[in-house]
Amino acid sequence: MNVMVVGGGGREHAIIKKIKKSPKVSRIYALPGNGGIAADAVCVDIGATDLEGIVKFARENAIDFAVVAPDDPLVLGLVDLLKAEGIPCFGPEKKAAIIEGSKAFAKDLMKKYGIPTAAYETFDDMEKALAYLQTCRVPVVIKADGLALGKGVIIAETLDEAQQAVRNMMEDKVFGESGSRVVIEEFLTGPEVSVLSFTDGKTLIPMVSSMDHKRALDGDKGLNTGGMGTIAPNPYYTEEIAKRCEEEIFKPTMEAMNKEGRTFCGCLYFGLMITDDGPKVIEYNCRFGDPETQVVLPLLESDLFDIFLHVSEGTLDQAEVKFADDAACCVVMASSGYPVKYEKGFAIHIPQEVEDVYVAGAKLSADGRLLTNGGRVLGVTERGKDIREAIERAYQSVKKISFENAFYRRDIGQRALAALEK
């Protein structure tokens, strides 16, 4: 089958490397892809939000199946447009992607159906939001309602910080129209867990759990980023917690979306916090997480493309979904200065023996060299019999890769190891 994967980051590279192994896949196009993805797919210079261009390409190139990976095209309704052309897809329709596209919708859904989450209020009037802050305990969480490249969440330590965050979003429009409405939320404490799941709206199958590291610097310091590394499985996600999540969060969410007439088919991501009161939802995503995908998919032993087909056909209950019992660690190598300001265009040297490298921000030069072209440049993933071995192997591989101005956290997975030692 001719398969089209929409997107151009490390997540998409991980998806492409996995479906490339399927006997059902004959040719893969990546739109737009990147310089590293070009080794595994035919890259086409059409942006992920150029919906008209993507549909035209699919129509003219006999695409048999599409995987829409990023949030923007999902929220904009790309799956709806492709399905209208008769092209089956993995990814939710626009009416279901709203679960990530609007934080207010997601919070209201959880309140209506009794799904555990932080207490909150929603505002589209700045003065009312500022007045409400006077009644809140700090820290408090301020969220832009719409998509903001993973940066629309501010944890304010003081009332002044909270008020400034609201003004930045609603008055100064730092996140554009995404901040026209804000959600002000109770600050929860506890370990965070990411759980991706496959669902066709009738069956929901959680994938192996993972732990993301959002802060730029060691010790969870510095600015928030798109993710500096991940490990899987997450030691805080015990069998008991997993059972509670399935009963109290996962299935109720799938059923709630069905009742709202917004059946979700694709990858539903649960961002969870394990509080003293049990697991609670921090956020939903309507797609694979990045860089969680880079540790979850290497542990998948089943045919990923076959699972995609079953989800799109509504027969997920007939699919084989099996994960390995070992562990994985992904360390993100970024450009110095990320996530604020950084230089591009440096040559990347990756030795052949380092196989599981997922390229996020790179391009090919005229003479075929791989050059840095983004903040997060690549993710280096290794597996091990346990988390400790996976971490050690990942850092051994990182040391073999080089590019000028490279930086990475040196403590990915240390919180997980500390949890295991308790």
Protein backbone atom coordinates (compact mmCIF):
# COMPACT_ATOMS: atom_id res chain seq x y z
CA MET A 1 0.00 0.00 0.00
CA ASN A 2 1.03 3.59 -0.63
CA VAL A 3 1.05 5.32 2.76
CA MET A 4 1.26 9.03 3.51
CA VAL A 5 2.46 10.26 6.92
CA VAL A 6 1.68 13.91 7.65
CA GLY A 7 4.26 15.67 9.84
CA GLY A 8 7.98 16.24 9.99
CA GLY A 9 9.41 15.60 13.46
CA GLY A 10 10.89 12.87 15.63
CA ARG A 11 7.45 11.41 16.35
CA GLU A 12 6.77 11.01 12.64
CA HIS A 13 10.21 9.45 12.10
CA ALA A 14 9.44 6.88 14.83
CA ILE A 15 6.08 6.08 13.22
CA ILE A 16 7.65 5.78 9.75
CA LYS A 17 10.48 3.51 10.92
CA LYS A 18 7.92 1.22 12.55
CA ILE A 19 5.38 0.98 9.72
CA LYS A 20 8.23 0.53 7.23
CA LYS A 21 8.62 -2.97 8.71
CA SER A 22 5.07 -3.96 7.78
CA PRO A 23 4.71 -6.30 4.76
CA LYS A 24 1.53 -4.38 3.87
CA VAL A 25 3.44 -1.13 3.25
CA SER A 26 5.15 -0.72 -0.11
CA ARG A 27 5.89 3.03 -0.26
CA ILE A 28 5.88 5.80 2.35
CA TYR A 29 5.57 9.53 1.69
CA ALA A 30 6.28 12.07 4.43
CA LEU A 31 4.68 15.50 4.20
CA PRO A 32 6.86 17.46 4.75
CA GLY A 33 9.26 15.05 6.50
CA ASN A 34 12.83 16.23 7.16
CA GLY A 35 16.42 15.50 6.22
CA GLY A 36 16.63 12.46 8.51
CA ILE A 37 13.23 11.05 7.56
CA ALA A 38 14.41 11.16 3.92
CA ALA A 39 16.41 7.98 4.62
CA ASP A 40 13.18 6.09 5.34
CA ALA A 41 10.48 7.78 3.24
CA VAL A 42 9.96 10.01 0.20
CA CYS A 43 9.77 13.54 1.59
CA VAL A 44 7.38 15.97 -0.10
CA ASP A 45 7.65 19.69 0.57
CA ILE A 46 4.04 20.25 1.62
CA GLY A 47 3.45 21.66 5.11
CA ALA A 48 1.35 19.76 7.65
CA THR A 49 -1.27 22.53 7.75
CA ASP A 50 -1.54 22.93 3.97
CA LEU A 51 -4.73 20.89 3.93
CA GLU A 52 -5.59 21.63 0.31
CA GLY A 53 -2.08 20.71 -0.83
CA ILE A 54 -2.09 17.47 1.15
CA VAL A 55 -5.47 16.36 -0.19
CA LYS A 56 -4.41 17.21 -3.76
CA PHE A 57 -1.17 15.20 -3.33
CA ALA A 58 -3.06 12.22 -1.92
CA ARG A 59 -5.53 12.30 -4.80
CA GLU A 60 -2.83 12.55 -7.48
CA ASN A 61 -0.48 9.93 -6.00
CA ALA A 62 -2.90 7.07 -5.36
CA ILE A 63 -2.48 7.16 -1.58
CA ASP A 64 -4.11 4.10 -0.01
CA PHE A 65 -3.83 5.17 3.64
CA ALA A 66 -2.92 8.32 5.57
CA VAL A 67 -1.47 8.77 9.06
CA VAL A 68 -2.09 12.29 10.35
CA ALA A 69 0.32 12.70 13.27
CA PRO A 70 0.47 16.37 14.46
CA ASP A 71 -2.25 18.20 16.40
CA ASP A 72 -2.75 21.20 14.07
CA PRO A 73 -3.98 19.34 10.95
CA LEU A 74 -6.14 17.05 13.11
CA VAL A 75 -7.84 20.00 14.83
CA LEU A 76 -8.24 21.74 11.47
CA GLY A 77 -10.07 18.70 10.04
CA LEU A 78 -7.58 17.08 7.64
CA VAL A 79 -8.90 13.58 8.40
CA ASP A 80 -12.42 14.68 7.42
CA LEU A 81 -11.15 16.01 4.08
CA LEU A 82 -9.13 12.87 3.30
CA LYS A 83 -12.03 10.58 4.19
CA ALA A 84 -14.27 12.61 1.88
CA GLU A 85 -11.82 11.64 -0.90
CA GLY A 86 -12.20 7.97 0.05
CA ILE A 87 -8.80 7.74 1.73
CA PRO A 88 -8.84 5.81 5.03
CA CYS A 89 -6.88 7.45 7.87
CA PHE A 90 -5.39 6.90 11.28
CA GLY A 91 -6.31 9.93 13.33
CA PRO A 92 -9.49 11.48 14.75
CA GLU A 93 -11.95 13.62 12.83
CA LYS A 94 -12.20 17.33 13.64
CA LYS A 95 -15.16 16.91 16.00
CA ALA A 96 -13.14 14.45 18.12
CA ALA A 97 -9.79 16.27 17.90
CA ILE A 98 -11.41 19.11 19.89
CA ILE A 99 -10.45 17.09 22.99
CA GLU A 100 -6.99 18.63 22.51
CA GLY A 101 -8.00 21.64 20.43
CA SER A 102 -9.97 23.18 23.31
CA LYS A 103 -8.86 22.75 26.91
CA ALA A 104 -12.18 24.24 28.01
CA PHE A 105 -14.04 21.51 26.10
CA ALA A 106 -11.85 18.82 27.67
CA LYS A 107 -12.35 20.16 31.21
CA ASP A 108 -16.11 20.49 30.71
CA LEU A 109 -16.24 16.91 29.37
CA MET A 110 -14.46 15.60 32.47
CA LYS A 111 -16.75 17.56 34.80
CA LYS A 112 -19.89 16.36 33.02
CA TYR A 113 -18.90 12.68 33.09
CA GLY A 114 -17.14 12.56 36.47
CA ILE A 115 -13.65 11.90 35.13
CA PRO A 116 -11.09 12.90 37.83
CA THR A 117 -9.20 16.13 37.09
CA ALA A 118 -8.13 19.35 38.79
CA ALA A 119 -10.76 21.90 39.83
CA TYR A 120 -11.00 24.76 37.30
CA GLU A 121 -12.84 27.73 35.87
CA THR A 122 -12.91 29.01 32.28
CA PHE A 123 -12.85 32.68 31.24
CA ASP A 124 -13.14 34.68 28.03
CA ASP A 125 -13.24 37.98 29.93
CA MET A 126 -9.83 39.11 31.22
CA GLU A 127 -11.14 41.23 34.12
CA LYS A 128 -13.23 38.34 35.42
CA ALA A 129 -10.21 36.02 35.15
CA LEU A 130 -8.05 38.50 37.09
CA ALA A 131 -10.73 38.85 39.76
CA TYR A 132 -11.03 35.06 40.10
CA LEU A 133 -7.27 34.77 40.64
CA GLN A 134 -7.71 36.79 43.85
CA THR A 135 -9.64 33.80 45.26
CA CYS A 136 -7.11 31.13 44.20
CA ARG A 137 -4.35 29.45 46.15
CA VAL A 138 -0.91 29.55 44.55
CA PRO A 139 0.73 27.90 42.76
CA VAL A 140 -2.04 28.03 40.18
CA VAL A 141 -2.10 26.81 36.56
CA ILE A 142 -3.05 29.11 33.66
CA LYS A 143 -3.81 27.44 30.31
CA ALA A 144 -4.49 28.95 26.91
CA ASP A 145 -7.63 27.25 25.63
CA GLY A 146 -6.34 26.46 22.13
CA LEU A 147 -3.22 24.88 20.66
CA ALA A 148 0.02 26.66 21.54
CA LEU A 149 2.80 24.30 20.43
CA GLY A 150 2.86 22.71 23.88
CA LYS A 151 3.81 26.04 25.47
CA GLY A 152 0.39 27.40 26.47
CA VAL A 153 0.52 26.21 30.08
CA ILE A 154 1.97 28.42 32.82
CA ILE A 155 2.47 27.31 36.42
CA ALA A 156 2.35 30.58 38.35
CA GLU A 157 4.09 30.53 41.73
CA THR A 158 2.67 33.90 42.84
CA LEU A 159 -0.46 35.97 42.27
CA ASP A 160 1.59 38.51 40.29
CA GLU A 161 2.90 35.77 37.98
CA ALA A 162 -0.62 34.43 37.50
CA GLN A 163 -2.03 37.86 36.64
CA GLN A 164 0.83 38.48 34.21
CA ALA A 165 0.21 35.12 32.53
CA VAL A 166 -3.46 35.98 32.03
CA ARG A 167 -2.57 39.40 30.58
CA ASN A 168 0.07 37.87 28.30
CA MET A 169 -2.45 35.40 26.91
CA MET A 170 -5.64 37.46 26.75
CA GLU A 171 -4.37 41.01 26.19
CA ASP A 172 -0.95 40.65 24.55
CA LYS A 173 -1.99 37.54 22.55
CA VAL A 174 1.39 35.80 23.02
CA PHE A 175 -0.30 32.59 21.83
CA GLY A 176 -2.50 34.34 19.26
CA GLU A 177 -6.19 33.51 19.35
CA SER A 178 -5.43 30.35 21.38
CA GLY A 179 -5.26 32.58 24.45
CA SER A 180 -8.54 34.43 23.87
CA ARG A 181 -10.07 32.06 26.39
CA VAL A 182 -8.15 30.74 29.41
CA VAL A 183 -8.59 27.91 31.87
CA ILE A 184 -7.49 28.62 35.44
CA GLU A 185 -6.82 25.38 37.22
CA GLU A 186 -5.97 24.00 40.64
CA PHE A 187 -2.28 23.06 40.95
CA LEU A 188 -1.91 19.31 41.53
CA THR A 189 1.16 17.55 42.91
CA GLY A 190 2.48 14.06 42.29
CA PRO A 191 4.38 12.07 39.67
CA GLU A 192 3.33 12.58 36.05
CA VAL A 193 2.63 9.69 33.72
CA SER A 194 1.96 9.64 29.97
CA VAL A 195 -0.21 6.87 28.56
CA LEU A 196 -0.89 6.67 24.84
CA SER A 197 -3.74 4.47 23.70
CA PHE A 198 -5.17 3.00 20.52
CA THR A 199 -8.94 3.35 20.22
CA ASP A 200 -11.60 2.92 17.54
CA GLY A 201 -14.37 4.26 19.80
CA LYS A 202 -15.47 0.76 20.83
CA THR A 203 -12.23 -0.73 22.13
CA LEU A 204 -9.41 1.12 23.90
CA ILE A 205 -5.97 -0.47 24.32
CA PRO A 206 -3.41 1.43 26.42
CA MET A 207 0.20 1.33 25.29
CA VAL A 208 3.17 1.01 27.64
CA SER A 209 3.41 3.98 30.03
CA SER A 210 6.18 6.58 29.83
CA MET A 211 7.75 9.52 31.68
CA ASP A 212 8.56 12.78 29.87
CA HIS A 213 11.15 15.38 30.94
CA LYS A 214 9.87 18.81 29.88
CA ARG A 215 12.38 21.21 31.43
CA ALA A 216 15.42 22.21 29.38
CA LEU A 217 18.07 21.70 32.06
CA ASP A 218 19.22 19.00 34.48
CA GLY A 219 17.34 18.76 37.75
CA ASP A 220 14.10 19.79 36.04
CA LYS A 221 15.28 23.38 35.83
CA GLY A 222 15.05 25.93 33.04
CA LEU A 223 12.27 26.64 30.58
CA ASN A 224 9.60 24.20 29.46
CA THR A 225 10.35 22.52 26.14
CA GLY A 226 8.61 20.11 23.82
CA GLY A 227 10.40 17.34 25.75
CA MET A 228 14.08 16.61 26.43
CA GLY A 229 13.78 12.86 26.86
CA THR A 230 11.59 9.98 27.93
CA ILE A 231 11.73 6.56 29.56
CA ALA A 232 9.31 3.64 29.42
CA PRO A 233 7.75 2.05 31.33
CA ASN A 234 7.02 4.62 34.04
CA PRO A 235 7.64 3.03 37.49
CA TYR A 236 4.90 5.16 39.08
CA TYR A 237 2.33 3.50 36.82
CA THR A 238 1.76 0.38 38.90
CA GLU A 239 -0.71 -2.40 38.10
CA GLU A 240 -3.09 -0.96 40.68
CA ILE A 241 -2.88 2.54 39.17
CA ALA A 242 -3.27 1.12 35.65
CA LYS A 243 -6.47 -0.67 36.67
CA ARG A 244 -7.89 2.51 38.24
CA CYS A 245 -7.01 4.52 35.13
CA GLU A 246 -8.76 2.07 32.83
CA GLU A 247 -11.90 2.02 35.00
CA GLU A 248 -12.05 5.69 36.06
CA ILE A 249 -10.42 7.55 33.15
CA PHE A 250 -9.70 5.68 29.90
CA LYS A 251 -12.98 3.88 29.18
CA PRO A 252 -15.12 6.68 30.65
CA THR A 253 -13.39 9.16 28.31
CA MET A 254 -14.00 6.98 25.25
CA GLU A 255 -17.64 6.50 26.25
CA ALA A 256 -18.09 10.21 27.03
CA MET A 257 -16.88 11.15 23.54
CA ASN A 258 -19.32 8.64 22.04
CA LYS A 259 -22.21 10.11 24.04
CA GLU A 260 -21.26 13.59 22.82
CA GLY A 261 -21.41 12.39 19.20
CA ARG A 262 -17.65 12.83 18.88
CA THR A 263 -16.42 9.23 18.59
CA PHE A 264 -12.63 9.22 18.82
CA CYS A 265 -10.64 6.95 16.48
CA GLY A 266 -6.84 7.14 16.57
CA CYS A 267 -4.29 7.66 19.32
CA LEU A 268 -5.76 9.20 22.47
CA TYR A 269 -3.05 10.49 24.81
CA PHE A 270 -3.65 10.73 28.54
CA GLY A 271 -1.41 13.08 30.52
CA LEU A 272 -1.91 11.95 34.12
CA MET A 273 -0.83 12.94 37.60
CA ILE A 274 -0.78 10.38 40.39
CA THR A 275 -2.06 12.46 43.33
CA ASP A 276 -2.72 11.41 46.93
CA ASP A 277 -6.36 11.09 45.84
CA GLY A 278 -5.51 8.81 42.95
CA PRO A 279 -4.84 9.37 39.23
CA LYS A 280 -6.20 12.56 37.64
CA VAL A 281 -6.13 13.88 34.06
CA ILE A 282 -3.84 16.86 33.45
CA GLU A 283 -4.46 16.94 29.71
CA TYR A 284 -5.65 15.00 26.70
CA ASN A 285 -3.87 14.96 23.34
CA CYS A 286 -5.52 13.78 20.14
CA ARG A 287 -2.34 12.15 18.78
CA PHE A 288 0.93 10.42 19.63
CA GLY A 289 3.08 12.41 22.07
CA ASP A 290 6.56 13.62 21.20
CA PRO A 291 9.02 12.35 22.45
CA GLU A 292 6.92 9.64 24.18
CA THR A 293 6.41 7.93 20.83
CA GLN A 294 10.17 7.46 20.53
CA VAL A 295 10.25 5.11 23.54
CA VAL A 296 6.79 3.53 23.25
CA LEU A 297 6.92 2.33 19.63
CA PRO A 298 10.35 0.63 19.91
CA LEU A 299 8.77 -1.60 22.59
CA LEU A 300 5.82 -2.52 20.34
CA GLU A 301 6.27 -6.07 19.04
CA SER A 302 3.15 -6.11 16.85
CA ASP A 303 2.71 -4.69 13.33
CA LEU A 304 1.92 -0.99 13.88
CA PHE A 305 0.43 -0.51 10.43
CA ASP A 306 -1.88 -3.49 10.97
CA ILE A 307 -3.10 -1.80 14.18
CA PHE A 308 -3.68 1.43 12.23
CA LEU A 309 -5.81 -0.49 9.73
CA HIS A 310 -7.88 -2.12 12.49
CA VAL A 311 -8.49 1.27 14.17
CA SER A 312 -9.63 2.84 10.89
CA GLU A 313 -11.92 -0.13 10.17
CA GLY A 314 -13.42 -0.22 13.68
CA THR A 315 -12.05 -3.70 14.40
CA LEU A 316 -9.40 -2.92 17.04
CA ASP A 317 -10.74 -5.80 19.16
CA GLN A 318 -9.34 -8.16 16.49
CA ALA A 319 -5.84 -6.62 16.40
CA GLU A 320 -2.73 -8.04 18.04
CA VAL A 321 -1.23 -5.36 20.29
CA LYS A 322 1.77 -6.68 22.19
CA PHE A 323 4.57 -4.81 23.94
CA ALA A 324 7.95 -6.14 25.11
CA ASP A 325 8.63 -6.52 28.83
CA ASP A 326 11.91 -4.61 28.72
CA ALA A 327 12.56 -0.84 28.91
CA ALA A 328 13.52 2.05 26.64
CA CYS A 329 15.14 5.46 27.08
CA CYS A 330 15.19 8.38 24.63
CA VAL A 331 17.62 11.28 25.09
CA VAL A 332 16.90 14.38 23.00
CA MET A 333 19.92 16.13 21.51
CA ALA A 334 19.09 19.80 20.98
CA SER A 335 20.72 22.97 19.67
CA SER A 336 22.35 25.11 22.37
CA GLY A 337 19.98 27.93 23.31
CA TYR A 338 16.80 25.91 22.76
CA PRO A 339 13.93 26.64 23.47
CA VAL A 340 14.65 30.37 22.98
CA LYS A 341 17.32 31.18 20.39
CA TYR A 342 19.70 28.85 18.59
CA GLU A 343 21.83 28.57 15.47
CA LYS A 344 21.23 26.13 12.62
CA GLY A 345 23.20 24.59 9.79
CA PHE A 346 25.78 22.45 11.63
CA ALA A 347 26.78 19.04 10.23
CA ILE A 348 25.46 16.03 12.15
CA HIS A 349 27.64 12.93 12.45
CA ILE A 350 25.80 9.69 13.30
CA PRO A 351 27.84 6.44 13.17
CA GLN A 352 26.19 3.50 11.45
CA GLU A 353 26.09 1.36 14.60
CA VAL A 354 23.66 3.82 16.26
CA GLU A 355 20.39 2.67 14.70
CA ASP A 356 17.49 4.06 16.73
CA VAL A 357 17.91 7.75 15.98
CA TYR A 358 14.73 9.72 15.35
CA VAL A 359 15.44 12.96 13.52
CA ALA A 360 13.33 15.99 14.43
CA GLY A 361 15.08 19.15 13.26
CA ALA A 362 17.45 18.50 10.37
CA LYS A 363 17.75 19.11 6.63
CA LEU A 364 19.86 17.75 3.81
CA SER A 365 22.46 20.04 2.24
CA ALA A 366 23.00 20.22 -1.53
CA ASP A 367 25.84 17.71 -1.18
CA GLY A 368 23.74 15.29 0.90
CA ARG A 369 25.02 16.09 4.40
CA LEU A 370 22.60 16.12 7.33
CA LEU A 371 22.52 19.59 8.95
CA THR A 372 20.81 20.86 12.11
CA ASN A 373 17.63 22.77 11.33
CA GLY A 374 15.71 23.11 14.59
CA GLY A 375 15.78 23.34 18.38
CA ARG A 376 15.27 19.67 19.10
CA VAL A 377 17.53 18.01 16.54
CA LEU A 378 17.16 14.30 17.22
CA GLY A 379 16.19 11.68 19.78
CA VAL A 380 18.49 8.77 20.57
CA THR A 381 16.66 5.67 21.84
CA GLU A 382 18.04 2.45 23.27
CA ARG A 383 16.41 -0.54 24.91
CA GLY A 384 17.60 -2.53 27.90
CA LYS A 385 16.45 -5.34 30.16
CA ASP A 386 15.45 -2.66 32.66
CA ILE A 387 15.34 1.15 32.89
CA ARG A 388 18.89 1.45 34.24
CA GLU A 389 20.38 -0.51 31.34
CA ALA A 390 18.27 1.40 28.78
CA ILE A 391 19.50 4.72 30.19
CA GLU A 392 23.14 3.62 30.15
CA ARG A 393 22.89 2.41 26.55
CA ALA A 394 21.12 5.59 25.40
CA TYR A 395 23.85 7.82 26.81
CA GLN A 396 26.56 5.60 25.31
CA SER A 397 24.96 6.14 21.90
CA VAL A 398 24.51 9.89 22.48
CA LYS A 399 28.26 10.21 23.04
CA LYS A 400 28.91 8.70 19.60
CA ILE A 401 26.85 11.38 17.83
CA SER A 402 28.15 14.90 17.31
CA PHE A 403 27.21 18.31 15.93
CA GLU A 404 28.40 21.77 16.87
CA ASN A 405 26.43 23.46 19.68
CA ALA A 406 24.80 20.18 20.75
CA PHE A 407 23.35 19.98 24.23
CA TYR A 408 21.27 17.45 26.12
CA ARG A 409 20.16 16.69 29.63
CA ARG A 410 22.36 14.24 31.48
CA ASP A 411 19.74 13.09 33.98
CA ILE A 412 17.00 11.56 31.83
CA GLY A 413 15.43 8.71 33.80
CA GLN A 414 17.02 9.53 37.16
CA ARG A 415 13.64 10.26 38.78
CA ALA A 416 12.45 6.87 37.59
CA LEU A 417 15.48 5.14 39.08
CA ALA A 418 14.92 6.97 42.38
CA ALA A 419 11.31 5.77 42.41
CA LEU A 420 12.41 2.17 41.89
CA GLU A 421 14.79 2.40 44.85
CA LYS A 422 12.05 3.49 47.29
